[in-house]
Amino acid sequence: MVDDGHLSALADTFRLLGDTTRLRILLCCLSRPVAVGAIAAELDLSQSLVSHHLRLLRAARLVRHQRQGKSMIYQAADDHVRTVLQDMVEHVGEIAPDEHAR
């Protein structure tokens, strides 16, 4: 069983991912390292809004970053984050067994 401290951190992480903007930003960072400006352009968001959300995702250890010249490049923090999100995308895309009967 998960102890209360870890359970609380897990709940905080899922709350953080409950925001569709943050989720979209994180999904952009799954397959490749990407610059803040490229994320903003791809999602049609302001760069300052993307940076704000990336700070929250970084604090939760869901993304990591590195500087390349004047740009900050972000990617999913590790394979755990990548796997969980890819599995959930697959999961929500599946047809539920009770929907086959309709």
C-alpha atoms as a PDB file:
ATOM      1  CA  MET A   1       0.000   0.000   0.000  1.00  0.00           C
ATOM      2  CA  VAL A   2       1.128   3.544  -0.674  1.00  0.00           C
ATOM      3  CA  ASP A   3       1.914   5.618   2.417  1.00  0.00           C
ATOM      4  CA  ASP A   4      -0.009   8.845   3.059  1.00  0.00           C
ATOM      5  CA  GLY A   5       2.840  11.128   1.952  1.00  0.00           C
ATOM      6  CA  HIS A   6       3.196   9.408  -1.399  1.00  0.00           C
ATOM      7  CA  LEU A   7      -0.569   9.203  -1.805  1.00  0.00           C
ATOM      8  CA  SER A   8      -0.860  12.948  -1.276  1.00  0.00           C
ATOM      9  CA  ALA A   9       1.912  13.625  -3.818  1.00  0.00           C
ATOM     10  CA  LEU A  10       0.200  11.312  -6.305  1.00  0.00           C
ATOM     11  CA  ALA A  11      -3.127  13.100  -5.846  1.00  0.00           C
ATOM     12  CA  ASP A  12      -1.377  16.461  -6.356  1.00  0.00           C
ATOM     13  CA  THR A  13       0.175  15.155  -9.570  1.00  0.00           C
ATOM     14  CA  PHE A  14      -3.166  13.988 -10.934  1.00  0.00           C
ATOM     15  CA  ARG A  15      -4.755  17.335  -9.988  1.00  0.00           C
ATOM     16  CA  LEU A  16      -1.971  19.085 -11.883  1.00  0.00           C
ATOM     17  CA  LEU A  17      -2.698  16.906 -14.924  1.00  0.00           C
ATOM     18  CA  GLY A  18      -6.411  17.655 -14.620  1.00  0.00           C
ATOM     19  CA  ASP A  19      -5.798  20.974 -16.365  1.00  0.00           C
ATOM     20  CA  THR A  20      -6.183  20.433 -20.112  1.00  0.00           C
ATOM     21  CA  THR A  21      -3.643  23.129 -21.006  1.00  0.00           C
ATOM     22  CA  ARG A  22      -0.947  21.511 -18.852  1.00  0.00           C
ATOM     23  CA  LEU A  23      -1.865  18.094 -20.206  1.00  0.00           C
ATOM     24  CA  ARG A  24      -1.580  19.322 -23.802  1.00  0.00           C
ATOM     25  CA  ILE A  25       1.804  20.896 -23.033  1.00  0.00           C
ATOM     26  CA  LEU A  26       3.074  17.709 -21.438  1.00  0.00           C
ATOM     27  CA  LEU A  27       1.857  15.618 -24.367  1.00  0.00           C
ATOM     28  CA  CYS A  28       3.910  17.874 -26.678  1.00  0.00           C
ATOM     29  CA  CYS A  29       7.013  16.971 -24.694  1.00  0.00           C
ATOM     30  CA  LEU A  30       6.561  13.185 -24.795  1.00  0.00           C
ATOM     31  CA  SER A  31       8.191  12.191 -28.048  1.00  0.00           C
ATOM     32  CA  ARG A  32      10.964  14.750 -28.441  1.00  0.00           C
ATOM     33  CA  PRO A  33      12.712  17.657 -26.745  1.00  0.00           C
ATOM     34  CA  VAL A  34      10.879  20.839 -27.704  1.00  0.00           C
ATOM     35  CA  ALA A  35      11.427  24.557 -27.185  1.00  0.00           C
ATOM     36  CA  VAL A  36       8.938  26.714 -25.316  1.00  0.00           C
ATOM     37  CA  GLY A  37       8.265  28.771 -28.444  1.00  0.00           C
ATOM     38  CA  ALA A  38       7.520  25.656 -30.488  1.00  0.00           C
ATOM     39  CA  ILE A  39       5.071  24.414 -27.845  1.00  0.00           C
ATOM     40  CA  ALA A  40       3.357  27.812 -27.794  1.00  0.00           C
ATOM     41  CA  ALA A  41       3.087  27.867 -31.595  1.00  0.00           C
ATOM     42  CA  GLU A  42       1.859  24.265 -31.851  1.00  0.00           C
ATOM     43  CA  LEU A  43      -0.841  24.788 -29.216  1.00  0.00           C
ATOM     44  CA  ASP A  44      -1.684  28.378 -30.183  1.00  0.00           C
ATOM     45  CA  LEU A  45      -0.863  29.675 -26.686  1.00  0.00           C
ATOM     46  CA  SER A  46       1.221  32.591 -25.479  1.00  0.00           C
ATOM     47  CA  GLN A  47       4.818  31.807 -24.622  1.00  0.00           C
ATOM     48  CA  SER A  48       4.378  33.270 -21.129  1.00  0.00           C
ATOM     49  CA  LEU A  49       1.397  30.976 -20.449  1.00  0.00           C
ATOM     50  CA  VAL A  50       3.351  27.934 -21.648  1.00  0.00           C
ATOM     51  CA  SER A  51       6.336  28.940 -19.482  1.00  0.00           C
ATOM     52  CA  HIS A  52       4.071  29.293 -16.445  1.00  0.00           C
ATOM     53  CA  HIS A  53       2.608  25.818 -16.912  1.00  0.00           C
ATOM     54  CA  LEU A  54       6.044  24.317 -17.609  1.00  0.00           C
ATOM     55  CA  ARG A  55       7.296  25.709 -14.281  1.00  0.00           C
ATOM     56  CA  LEU A  56       4.487  23.832 -12.522  1.00  0.00           C
ATOM     57  CA  LEU A  57       5.182  20.644 -14.479  1.00  0.00           C
ATOM     58  CA  ARG A  58       8.900  20.946 -13.721  1.00  0.00           C
ATOM     59  CA  ALA A  59       8.213  21.426 -10.003  1.00  0.00           C
ATOM     60  CA  ALA A  60       6.162  18.207 -10.082  1.00  0.00           C
ATOM     61  CA  ARG A  61       9.086  16.442 -11.822  1.00  0.00           C
ATOM     62  CA  LEU A  62       6.991  15.673 -14.905  1.00  0.00           C
ATOM     63  CA  VAL A  63       9.288  17.526 -17.322  1.00  0.00           C
ATOM     64  CA  ARG A  64      12.942  18.398 -17.367  1.00  0.00           C
ATOM     65  CA  HIS A  65      14.668  21.180 -19.218  1.00  0.00           C
ATOM     66  CA  GLN A  66      17.986  22.294 -20.570  1.00  0.00           C
ATOM     67  CA  ARG A  67      19.185  25.507 -22.092  1.00  0.00           C
ATOM     68  CA  GLN A  68      20.241  25.545 -25.746  1.00  0.00           C
ATOM     69  CA  GLY A  69      21.522  28.972 -26.602  1.00  0.00           C
ATOM     70  CA  LYS A  70      18.723  31.377 -25.711  1.00  0.00           C
ATOM     71  CA  SER A  71      16.032  28.679 -25.716  1.00  0.00           C
ATOM     72  CA  MET A  72      14.792  26.389 -22.978  1.00  0.00           C
ATOM     73  CA  ILE A  73      14.172  22.884 -24.288  1.00  0.00           C
ATOM     74  CA  TYR A  74      11.691  20.634 -22.458  1.00  0.00           C
ATOM     75  CA  GLN A  75      10.950  16.939 -22.541  1.00  0.00           C
ATOM     76  CA  ALA A  76       9.124  14.387 -20.424  1.00  0.00           C
ATOM     77  CA  ALA A  77      11.096  13.789 -17.246  1.00  0.00           C
ATOM     78  CA  ASP A  78      11.496  10.051 -17.749  1.00  0.00           C
ATOM     79  CA  ASP A  79      10.006   6.881 -19.171  1.00  0.00           C
ATOM     80  CA  HIS A  80       7.563   6.575 -16.266  1.00  0.00           C
ATOM     81  CA  VAL A  81       5.857   9.827 -17.228  1.00  0.00           C
ATOM     82  CA  ARG A  82       5.935   8.899 -20.913  1.00  0.00           C
ATOM     83  CA  THR A  83       4.483   5.434 -20.316  1.00  0.00           C
ATOM     84  CA  VAL A  84       1.686   6.559 -17.996  1.00  0.00           C
ATOM     85  CA  LEU A  85       0.513   9.254 -20.393  1.00  0.00           C
ATOM     86  CA  GLN A  86       0.790   7.106 -23.510  1.00  0.00           C
ATOM     87  CA  ASP A  87      -1.106   4.296 -21.773  1.00  0.00           C
ATOM     88  CA  MET A  88      -3.850   6.684 -20.642  1.00  0.00           C
ATOM     89  CA  VAL A  89      -4.197   8.170 -24.135  1.00  0.00           C
ATOM     90  CA  GLU A  90      -4.629   4.626 -25.435  1.00  0.00           C
ATOM     91  CA  HIS A  91      -7.042   3.773 -22.634  1.00  0.00           C
ATOM     92  CA  VAL A  92      -9.400   6.684 -23.275  1.00  0.00           C
ATOM     93  CA  GLY A  93      -9.307   5.942 -26.989  1.00  0.00           C
ATOM     94  CA  GLU A  94     -10.541   2.383 -26.530  1.00  0.00           C
ATOM     95  CA  ILE A  95     -14.172   1.487 -26.900  1.00  0.00           C
ATOM     96  CA  ALA A  96     -15.621   0.398 -23.591  1.00  0.00           C
ATOM     97  CA  PRO A  97     -16.963  -3.212 -23.605  1.00  0.00           C
ATOM     98  CA  ASP A  98     -20.521  -2.018 -22.904  1.00  0.00           C
ATOM     99  CA  GLU A  99     -20.384   0.290 -25.955  1.00  0.00           C
ATOM    100  CA  HIS A 100     -20.019  -2.733 -28.274  1.00  0.00           C
ATOM    101  CA  ALA A 101     -23.555  -3.816 -27.375  1.00  0.00           C
ATOM    102  CA  ARG A 102     -25.115  -0.553 -28.616  1.00  0.00           C
END
